[in-house]
Amino acid sequence: MNDADLAKVIPIAARLAEEPVGLLKFAQLAGRNMLEVIPAETTTQTYLRGPLNIHYICDPEIITELLVGAGRNNPKAKFTKDIIGSAVGNGLILSEGEKWRQQRRRYSPLFAARNLPLLAEHFAETGMEIAASLRAHPGRVDVAQMAPASTLTNISRVMFSGNQEVSAEQIRAGLIRYFEYISKISLFDVMGLPKWLPRKKWFRSAAPVSEMRALARQVIESRREENRDVPQDFLDLMIAALEEDFEDIETTVDNLLTFVVAGHETSANALAWGFYLLALAPNMQALIRKEIVSIRPEGPVSFEDVQSMPVLRAHVRETLRLYPSAAFFARDAASDLTIKGIEFRKGDALFFPVYSLHRNTQLWEKPGMYKPSRFLGDPLPRGQFIPFGDGPRICIGAQYAETEIMVLMASVLRAVGFKMADAPIPRPILTFTMRPEGPILLDCYPV
């Protein structure tokens, strides 16, 4: 499918701030949808000075210097830690300094390419189940519900499988309650108010977090006792790594839940938006299906299979460009720094609006258009496409997530197709991650 055929494919976009947003309004809107406080000018300018000490950065060179170069040690923003700290503790996402370096060294091998074929086997099993269910029950489907169900099943398989004391249904039910709890953002956390001030969250039971931590602890300890000779899933690989590099149980629980949260949300959102984009572009959908069938006409889709599917990979990356799950992140400047004539002072808030970066008119040709061919040519300049961040703190599970998305999508598209239904498509909103505001209803049919 050439770009001329895709020229009219303009997917739904987020609503950004068209007028200046004051501090109180910023906090109110950010608690509901962070995208509504990001200035619309960030899609046409590569740098924008915000109120107080805020910098909005969409310049790839400045981004690279702040994430990879001189600013690579800038810590995560305080309000980020306030928002998600209760859910993921002091694991890889939020730890700093030597504690972070130790954890990164400990867990990096788990996500190495050599382990992905094993994990892909679990993804393929889930993909074939989803495909069979859709094929047996064609018609209207909400892919915004189907996608998280798929990745939740994967989590149950690769991180919580084979436990005799905790059932898969207990894990799934606990995870659903856990995700619902952590998705509620406190206005006071966004404003950076002191931790002793009561949060609305406090008046709701924190049981979803404590219960999920208890389940995770139980699964880890039970698996350690099994002492499997050959790793069968992600949790086995994780425990094997800890045999050579000790870590206290609470930090291990923090990291297991960190991997659960990051893996579930990123992949689920990309799958939902990815199926929507293919329904918008039926010729591209047919082209990708042809590629999939030519490589693996039946049976489980393997890690090696998806390495030979460049068009599917380009579609996944274009989906992550248009709808990055991590659509915004922030750092606090640890020291004074001047880059390209812009002065960043210690304590300044460095905002990276990834959604705007990926749709910036100075960086992309027709950025609002769905155009997978962007990822079939020469590599893009560093700092221009960062769905998983960049630098030392780039998402440790980036390859894991891309493999999961591709295996699930290939498994499903081989069996069924999607087309647009007579239903409105929800806009993206950003809370814990960027997700659709409501159901994405598509018509599903067997192929």
Protein backbone atom coordinates (compact mmCIF):
# COMPACT_ATOMS: atom_id res chain seq x y z
CA MET A 1 0.00 0.00 0.00
CA ASN A 2 1.61 3.28 -1.07
CA ASP A 3 1.53 6.56 0.82
CA ALA A 4 -0.93 8.10 -1.64
CA ASP A 5 -3.48 5.46 -0.63
CA LEU A 6 -2.91 6.34 3.03
CA ALA A 7 -3.09 10.12 2.57
CA LYS A 8 -6.69 10.26 3.78
CA VAL A 9 -6.05 8.03 6.82
CA ILE A 10 -6.01 10.60 9.63
CA PRO A 11 -6.50 8.83 12.96
CA ILE A 12 -8.15 10.30 16.04
CA ALA A 13 -5.90 12.70 17.95
CA ALA A 14 -5.71 13.93 21.53
CA ARG A 15 -6.97 17.30 22.69
CA LEU A 16 -4.08 19.49 23.86
CA ALA A 17 -4.19 22.84 25.68
CA GLU A 18 -5.00 25.70 23.30
CA GLU A 19 -4.62 28.39 25.98
CA PRO A 20 -2.13 28.96 28.81
CA VAL A 21 -2.84 26.79 31.84
CA GLY A 22 -2.26 28.19 35.34
CA LEU A 23 -0.80 26.11 38.17
CA LEU A 24 -4.12 25.21 39.86
CA LYS A 25 -5.80 24.46 36.53
CA PHE A 26 -2.71 22.45 35.55
CA ALA A 27 -3.07 20.27 38.63
CA GLN A 28 -6.83 19.84 38.17
CA LEU A 29 -6.57 18.86 34.51
CA ALA A 30 -3.45 16.71 34.94
CA GLY A 31 -5.20 14.54 37.50
CA ARG A 32 -7.85 13.71 34.90
CA ASN A 33 -5.93 13.85 31.61
CA MET A 34 -2.33 15.04 31.44
CA LEU A 35 -2.62 15.67 27.70
CA GLU A 36 -4.99 18.58 28.34
CA VAL A 37 -2.24 20.58 30.07
CA ILE A 38 0.38 20.07 27.35
CA PRO A 39 0.43 23.21 25.16
CA ALA A 40 -0.67 22.60 21.57
CA GLU A 41 2.38 24.65 20.50
CA THR A 42 4.58 21.70 21.44
CA THR A 43 3.45 20.07 18.17
CA THR A 44 4.76 23.02 16.13
CA GLN A 45 7.74 24.17 18.24
CA THR A 46 10.64 22.04 19.40
CA TYR A 47 11.17 23.99 22.62
CA LEU A 48 8.71 25.91 24.76
CA ARG A 49 9.24 27.65 28.08
CA GLY A 50 6.33 26.97 30.39
CA PRO A 51 5.22 28.78 33.55
CA LEU A 52 7.49 28.91 36.60
CA ASN A 53 10.48 26.58 36.03
CA ILE A 54 8.94 24.27 33.41
CA HIS A 55 10.59 23.42 30.08
CA TYR A 56 8.71 21.54 27.32
CA ILE A 57 11.33 19.80 25.18
CA CYS A 58 10.72 18.36 21.69
CA ASP A 59 14.12 19.04 20.15
CA PRO A 60 15.80 15.66 19.40
CA GLU A 61 19.31 17.04 20.04
CA ILE A 62 18.34 18.55 23.40
CA ILE A 63 16.43 15.39 24.32
CA THR A 64 19.48 13.27 23.53
CA GLU A 65 21.77 15.51 25.57
CA LEU A 66 19.38 15.43 28.55
CA LEU A 67 18.72 11.67 28.43
CA VAL A 68 21.97 10.29 27.04
CA GLY A 69 24.59 13.02 27.44
CA ALA A 70 25.34 15.55 30.17
CA GLY A 71 21.87 15.31 31.73
CA ARG A 72 21.62 11.54 31.85
CA ASN A 73 21.76 11.47 35.66
CA ASN A 74 18.84 13.84 36.18
CA PRO A 75 16.41 12.07 38.55
CA LYS A 76 12.79 11.22 37.85
CA ALA A 77 10.48 14.12 38.67
CA LYS A 78 9.27 14.23 42.28
CA PHE A 79 5.62 14.31 41.26
CA THR A 80 6.13 11.12 39.23
CA LYS A 81 7.41 9.38 42.34
CA ASP A 82 4.50 10.74 44.38
CA ILE A 83 1.96 9.51 41.83
CA ILE A 84 3.16 5.92 41.31
CA GLY A 85 5.42 5.29 44.30
CA SER A 86 2.75 3.53 46.34
CA ALA A 87 2.14 1.10 43.47
CA VAL A 88 5.65 0.13 42.36
CA GLY A 89 7.74 0.94 45.43
CA ASN A 90 11.44 1.51 44.92
CA GLY A 91 11.97 -0.76 41.93
CA LEU A 92 13.64 0.07 38.65
CA ILE A 93 11.17 2.77 37.58
CA LEU A 94 11.72 5.03 40.60
CA SER A 95 15.02 4.07 42.26
CA GLU A 96 18.03 6.33 41.77
CA GLY A 97 21.81 6.25 42.05
CA GLU A 98 23.61 3.08 43.03
CA LYS A 99 20.42 1.25 44.01
CA TRP A 100 19.08 1.79 40.48
CA ARG A 101 22.41 0.76 38.88
CA GLN A 102 22.49 -2.48 40.88
CA GLN A 103 18.93 -3.36 39.84
CA ARG A 104 19.56 -2.47 36.21
CA ARG A 105 22.64 -4.74 36.10
CA ARG A 106 20.71 -7.50 37.86
CA TYR A 107 17.69 -7.49 35.57
CA SER A 108 19.05 -6.46 32.16
CA PRO A 109 19.97 -10.07 31.22
CA LEU A 110 16.35 -11.14 31.77
CA PHE A 111 15.27 -9.03 28.81
CA ALA A 112 18.14 -10.05 26.54
CA ALA A 113 17.27 -11.33 23.07
CA ARG A 114 18.35 -14.86 24.06
CA ASN A 115 15.37 -15.12 26.45
CA LEU A 116 12.72 -13.74 24.09
CA PRO A 117 12.12 -17.00 22.15
CA LEU A 118 11.02 -18.69 25.39
CA LEU A 119 8.70 -15.83 26.35
CA ALA A 120 7.34 -15.62 22.80
CA GLU A 121 6.06 -19.18 23.15
CA HIS A 122 3.71 -17.98 25.91
CA PHE A 123 2.67 -14.94 23.84
CA ALA A 124 1.87 -17.22 20.90
CA GLU A 125 -0.29 -19.47 23.06
CA THR A 126 -2.34 -16.48 24.17
CA GLY A 127 -2.51 -15.13 20.62
CA MET A 128 -3.89 -18.39 19.26
CA GLU A 129 -6.54 -18.49 21.99
CA ILE A 130 -7.65 -14.92 21.29
CA ALA A 131 -7.70 -15.59 17.53
CA ALA A 132 -9.80 -18.75 17.96
CA SER A 133 -12.28 -16.93 20.19
CA LEU A 134 -12.66 -14.02 17.75
CA ARG A 135 -13.02 -16.35 14.80
CA ALA A 136 -15.73 -18.32 16.60
CA HIS A 137 -17.61 -15.16 17.65
CA PRO A 138 -17.33 -12.60 14.82
CA GLY A 139 -19.08 -9.25 14.99
CA ARG A 140 -18.71 -6.16 17.15
CA VAL A 141 -15.69 -6.24 19.46
CA ASP A 142 -14.19 -3.69 21.84
CA VAL A 143 -10.46 -3.97 21.18
CA ALA A 144 -9.82 -1.61 24.12
CA GLN A 145 -11.05 -4.45 26.35
CA MET A 146 -9.71 -7.34 24.29
CA ALA A 147 -6.14 -6.02 24.28
CA PRO A 148 -5.68 -5.72 28.07
CA ALA A 149 -7.29 -9.13 28.50
CA SER A 150 -4.64 -10.52 26.15
CA THR A 151 -1.68 -8.95 27.93
CA LEU A 152 -3.15 -9.85 31.33
CA THR A 153 -3.26 -13.48 30.20
CA ASN A 154 0.38 -13.20 29.12
CA ILE A 155 1.36 -11.80 32.51
CA SER A 156 -0.42 -14.68 34.21
CA ARG A 157 1.50 -17.10 31.98
CA VAL A 158 5.00 -15.66 32.02
CA MET A 159 5.15 -14.24 35.55
CA PHE A 160 2.65 -16.12 37.69
CA SER A 161 2.25 -19.52 36.04
CA GLY A 162 2.52 -22.95 37.62
CA ASN A 163 1.76 -21.88 41.18
CA GLN A 164 -0.21 -24.45 43.12
CA GLU A 165 -1.32 -22.12 45.91
CA VAL A 166 -2.49 -19.14 43.82
CA SER A 167 -4.83 -19.71 40.88
CA ALA A 168 -4.58 -17.87 37.57
CA GLU A 169 -8.03 -16.39 38.23
CA GLN A 170 -6.88 -15.00 41.60
CA ILE A 171 -3.94 -13.37 39.88
CA ARG A 172 -6.07 -11.88 37.08
CA ALA A 173 -8.70 -10.57 39.50
CA GLY A 174 -6.01 -9.08 41.76
CA LEU A 175 -4.27 -7.43 38.84
CA ILE A 176 -7.49 -5.85 37.56
CA ARG A 177 -8.18 -4.28 40.98
CA TYR A 178 -4.53 -3.21 41.22
CA PHE A 179 -4.56 -1.46 37.82
CA GLU A 180 -7.83 0.32 38.65
CA TYR A 181 -6.33 1.64 41.88
CA ILE A 182 -3.03 2.92 40.48
CA SER A 183 -4.75 4.63 37.54
CA LYS A 184 -6.35 7.17 39.89
CA ILE A 185 -4.04 10.19 40.08
CA SER A 186 -4.16 12.49 43.10
CA LEU A 187 -4.48 16.24 42.47
CA PHE A 188 -2.20 16.86 45.47
CA ASP A 189 0.51 14.58 44.04
CA VAL A 190 0.46 16.46 40.73
CA MET A 191 0.78 19.75 42.66
CA GLY A 192 3.70 18.33 44.67
CA LEU A 193 2.04 19.08 48.01
CA PRO A 194 3.48 17.49 51.18
CA LYS A 195 2.91 13.77 51.63
CA TRP A 196 1.17 14.27 55.01
CA LEU A 197 -1.76 16.10 53.40
CA PRO A 198 -4.69 13.67 52.98
CA ARG A 199 -5.23 12.32 49.45
CA LYS A 200 -8.64 11.30 48.12
CA LYS A 201 -7.03 7.90 47.53
CA TRP A 202 -6.62 7.51 51.27
CA PHE A 203 -10.38 7.30 51.69
CA ARG A 204 -10.50 4.34 49.35
CA SER A 205 -9.11 1.04 50.50
CA ALA A 206 -5.47 0.46 49.54
CA ALA A 207 -6.21 -3.25 49.65
CA PRO A 208 -5.64 -3.73 45.87
CA VAL A 209 -1.96 -2.78 46.34
CA SER A 210 -1.37 -4.71 49.57
CA GLU A 211 -3.19 -7.77 48.20
CA MET A 212 -1.20 -7.71 44.96
CA ARG A 213 2.05 -7.35 46.86
CA ALA A 214 1.10 -10.30 49.06
CA LEU A 215 0.24 -12.41 46.00
CA ALA A 216 3.52 -11.47 44.31
CA ARG A 217 5.50 -12.30 47.46
CA GLN A 218 3.74 -15.66 47.77
CA VAL A 219 4.37 -16.55 44.12
CA ILE A 220 8.06 -15.59 44.34
CA GLU A 221 8.67 -17.60 47.51
CA SER A 222 6.77 -20.60 46.18
CA ARG A 223 8.71 -20.59 42.93
CA ARG A 224 12.01 -20.33 44.78
CA GLU A 225 11.10 -23.48 46.69
CA GLU A 226 10.42 -25.33 43.43
CA ASN A 227 14.01 -24.67 42.32
CA ARG A 228 13.38 -25.56 38.66
CA ASP A 229 16.43 -26.80 36.76
CA VAL A 230 15.36 -25.24 33.44
CA PRO A 231 13.63 -21.83 33.32
CA GLN A 232 10.13 -22.08 31.87
CA ASP A 233 8.98 -18.47 32.07
CA PHE A 234 9.95 -14.92 33.06
CA LEU A 235 9.65 -15.53 36.80
CA ASP A 236 12.06 -18.48 36.55
CA LEU A 237 14.55 -16.24 34.74
CA MET A 238 14.08 -13.55 37.39
CA ILE A 239 14.69 -15.94 40.28
CA ALA A 240 17.72 -17.44 38.53
CA ALA A 241 19.22 -13.95 38.30
CA LEU A 242 18.65 -13.41 42.02
CA GLU A 243 20.48 -16.63 42.89
CA GLU A 244 23.69 -14.94 41.73
CA ASP A 245 22.93 -11.43 42.99
CA PHE A 246 21.00 -11.20 46.26
CA GLU A 247 18.10 -8.79 46.64
CA ASP A 248 15.70 -8.43 49.57
CA ILE A 249 12.21 -9.82 48.99
CA GLU A 250 10.43 -6.45 49.12
CA THR A 251 12.62 -4.99 46.36
CA THR A 252 12.00 -8.14 44.31
CA VAL A 253 8.25 -7.64 44.79
CA ASP A 254 8.68 -3.98 43.75
CA ASN A 255 10.38 -5.06 40.56
CA LEU A 256 7.99 -7.85 39.71
CA LEU A 257 5.08 -5.41 40.00
CA THR A 258 7.05 -2.80 38.04
CA PHE A 259 7.48 -5.28 35.18
CA VAL A 260 3.80 -6.25 35.43
CA VAL A 261 2.57 -2.64 35.25
CA ALA A 262 4.93 -1.54 32.48
CA GLY A 263 4.46 -4.66 30.36
CA HIS A 264 0.69 -4.82 30.66
CA GLU A 265 -0.07 -1.17 29.93
CA THR A 266 2.38 -0.56 27.08
CA SER A 267 1.45 -3.64 25.10
CA ALA A 268 -2.29 -3.44 25.72
CA ASN A 269 -2.56 0.16 24.56
CA ALA A 270 -0.44 -0.46 21.46
CA LEU A 271 -2.53 -3.48 20.50
CA ALA A 272 -5.83 -1.61 20.81
CA TRP A 273 -4.65 1.41 18.81
CA GLY A 274 -2.87 -0.87 16.32
CA PHE A 275 -6.03 -2.81 15.46
CA TYR A 276 -7.92 0.48 15.12
CA LEU A 277 -5.34 1.84 12.66
CA LEU A 278 -5.57 -1.33 10.54
CA ALA A 279 -9.36 -1.03 10.47
CA LEU A 280 -8.83 2.52 9.16
CA ALA A 281 -6.41 1.24 6.49
CA PRO A 282 -7.83 -2.05 5.11
CA ASN A 283 -5.29 -2.29 2.28
CA MET A 284 -2.42 -2.04 4.76
CA GLN A 285 -4.14 -4.64 6.92
CA ALA A 286 -4.30 -7.01 3.93
CA LEU A 287 -0.62 -6.38 3.13
CA ILE A 288 0.43 -7.18 6.69
CA ARG A 289 -1.72 -10.30 6.76
CA LYS A 290 -0.10 -11.49 3.53
CA GLU A 291 3.34 -11.01 5.12
CA ILE A 292 2.30 -12.94 8.24
CA VAL A 293 0.82 -15.87 6.31
CA SER A 294 3.87 -16.08 4.05
CA ILE A 295 6.09 -16.59 7.12
CA ARG A 296 3.84 -18.62 9.44
CA PRO A 297 0.59 -19.79 7.80
CA GLU A 298 -0.40 -21.86 10.85
CA GLY A 299 0.82 -22.92 14.27
CA PRO A 300 2.44 -20.74 16.96
CA VAL A 301 4.10 -17.53 15.77
CA SER A 302 7.68 -17.58 17.06
CA PHE A 303 10.21 -14.92 17.99
CA GLU A 304 12.19 -15.86 14.88
CA ASP A 305 9.07 -15.48 12.71
CA VAL A 306 8.44 -11.86 13.66
CA GLN A 307 12.06 -10.95 12.88
CA SER A 308 11.09 -11.59 9.22
CA MET A 309 8.02 -9.32 9.28
CA PRO A 310 9.30 -5.79 8.52
CA VAL A 311 5.91 -4.39 7.46
CA LEU A 312 4.24 -5.58 10.68
CA ARG A 313 7.13 -4.09 12.68
CA ALA A 314 6.78 -0.79 10.81
CA HIS A 315 3.05 -0.77 11.62
CA VAL A 316 3.74 -1.41 15.31
CA ARG A 317 6.28 1.42 15.43
CA GLU A 318 3.95 3.81 13.62
CA THR A 319 1.30 2.88 16.18
CA LEU A 320 3.76 3.69 18.98
CA ARG A 321 4.57 6.99 17.25
CA LEU A 322 0.94 8.07 17.06
CA TYR A 323 -0.13 6.58 20.38
CA PRO A 324 2.86 6.16 22.73
CA SER A 325 1.80 4.61 26.05
CA ALA A 326 4.47 6.66 27.81
CA ALA A 327 3.17 9.84 26.18
CA PHE A 328 4.81 12.11 28.75
CA PHE A 329 7.61 11.86 31.29
CA ALA A 330 9.59 14.33 33.35
CA ARG A 331 12.94 14.82 35.04
CA ASP A 332 14.16 17.28 37.67
CA ALA A 333 17.35 19.10 36.66
CA ALA A 334 20.14 18.01 39.03
CA SER A 335 22.51 20.84 38.05
CA ASP A 336 22.79 23.93 35.85
CA LEU A 337 23.20 23.07 32.17
CA THR A 338 23.14 25.02 28.91
CA ILE A 339 22.21 23.21 25.67
CA LYS A 340 21.84 24.94 22.31
CA GLY A 341 21.68 28.29 24.08
CA ILE A 342 18.90 27.24 26.47
CA GLU A 343 19.68 27.49 30.18
CA PHE A 344 18.38 24.76 32.47
CA ARG A 345 18.82 25.54 36.17
CA LYS A 346 19.10 23.10 39.05
CA GLY A 347 15.59 22.19 40.19
CA ASP A 348 13.91 23.05 36.88
CA ALA A 349 11.17 20.73 35.65
CA LEU A 350 12.16 19.08 32.37
CA PHE A 351 9.01 17.94 30.57
CA PHE A 352 9.25 15.50 27.66
CA PRO A 353 5.84 15.45 25.90
CA VAL A 354 6.46 12.36 23.78
CA TYR A 355 3.01 12.60 22.21
CA SER A 356 3.88 16.07 20.86
CA LEU A 357 7.42 15.06 19.86
CA HIS A 358 6.02 12.23 17.73
CA ARG A 359 3.58 14.60 16.01
CA ASN A 360 5.79 17.67 15.72
CA THR A 361 5.42 19.42 12.35
CA GLN A 362 9.10 20.44 12.32
CA LEU A 363 10.24 16.81 12.61
CA TRP A 364 7.71 14.74 10.68
CA GLU A 365 6.06 15.02 7.28
CA LYS A 366 2.27 15.09 7.78
CA PRO A 367 2.67 13.92 11.38
CA GLY A 368 -1.03 13.31 11.98
CA MET A 369 -1.17 10.81 9.11
CA TYR A 370 -0.82 7.05 9.55
CA LYS A 371 2.26 6.19 7.47
CA PRO A 372 4.20 2.99 8.41
CA SER A 373 6.71 3.56 5.61
CA ARG A 374 8.41 6.09 7.93
CA PHE A 375 9.97 3.04 9.59
CA LEU A 376 10.99 1.13 6.47
CA GLY A 377 13.73 3.49 5.34
CA ASP A 378 16.84 4.99 6.93
CA PRO A 379 17.04 5.17 10.73
CA LEU A 380 15.50 8.26 12.28
CA PRO A 381 17.68 10.84 14.06
CA ARG A 382 18.23 9.91 17.69
CA GLY A 383 15.78 11.57 20.06
CA GLN A 384 12.97 11.88 17.49
CA PHE A 385 11.19 8.58 18.22
CA ILE A 386 11.28 7.59 21.89
CA PRO A 387 8.23 5.49 22.81
CA PHE A 388 10.38 3.71 25.43
CA GLY A 389 12.52 6.69 26.43
CA ASP A 390 16.28 6.78 25.80
CA GLY A 391 19.62 6.72 27.54
CA PRO A 392 20.55 4.68 30.61
CA ARG A 393 16.92 4.66 31.77
CA ILE A 394 15.39 3.52 28.50
CA CYS A 395 12.62 1.01 29.22
CA ILE A 396 14.34 -2.26 30.10
CA GLY A 397 11.48 -4.21 28.54
CA ALA A 398 11.35 -2.44 25.16
CA GLN A 399 12.25 -5.58 23.18
CA TYR A 400 9.94 -7.66 25.34
CA ALA A 401 7.03 -5.30 24.63
CA GLU A 402 7.65 -5.09 20.89
CA THR A 403 7.93 -8.89 20.66
CA GLU A 404 4.72 -9.38 22.64
CA ILE A 405 2.79 -6.89 20.50
CA MET A 406 4.03 -8.41 17.23
CA VAL A 407 3.38 -12.03 18.22
CA LEU A 408 -0.13 -11.27 19.49
CA MET A 409 -0.99 -9.11 16.49
CA ALA A 410 0.36 -11.64 13.97
CA SER A 411 -1.55 -14.47 15.67
CA VAL A 412 -4.83 -12.55 15.55
CA LEU A 413 -4.55 -10.98 12.08
CA ARG A 414 -3.84 -14.38 10.55
CA ALA A 415 -7.31 -15.54 11.66
CA VAL A 416 -9.54 -12.45 11.60
CA GLY A 417 -9.83 -9.00 10.11
CA PHE A 418 -11.09 -5.70 11.52
CA LYS A 419 -13.11 -2.95 9.89
CA MET A 420 -14.55 0.31 11.15
CA ALA A 421 -17.94 0.12 12.83
CA ASP A 422 -20.62 2.79 13.02
CA ALA A 423 -19.37 3.87 16.45
CA PRO A 424 -17.37 6.92 17.57
CA ILE A 425 -13.65 6.44 18.28
CA PRO A 426 -12.56 7.79 21.68
CA ARG A 427 -9.76 10.29 22.02
CA PRO A 428 -6.53 9.33 23.80
CA ILE A 429 -6.24 10.43 27.43
CA LEU A 430 -3.19 10.25 29.66
CA THR A 431 -3.29 9.20 33.31
CA PHE A 432 -0.91 6.45 34.35
CA THR A 433 -0.39 5.72 30.64
CA MET A 434 -2.02 7.01 27.45
CA ARG A 435 -5.14 4.97 26.72
CA PRO A 436 -8.44 5.37 24.86
CA GLU A 437 -11.05 7.35 26.82
CA GLY A 438 -13.70 4.74 26.06
CA PRO A 439 -14.39 1.62 23.99
CA ILE A 440 -12.84 1.17 20.53
CA LEU A 441 -15.61 -0.74 18.78
CA LEU A 442 -14.63 -2.49 15.56
CA ASP A 443 -16.32 -5.13 13.41
CA CYS A 444 -14.41 -8.41 13.41
CA TYR A 445 -14.73 -11.03 10.64
CA PRO A 446 -12.98 -14.35 9.85
CA VAL A 447 -10.46 -14.43 6.99
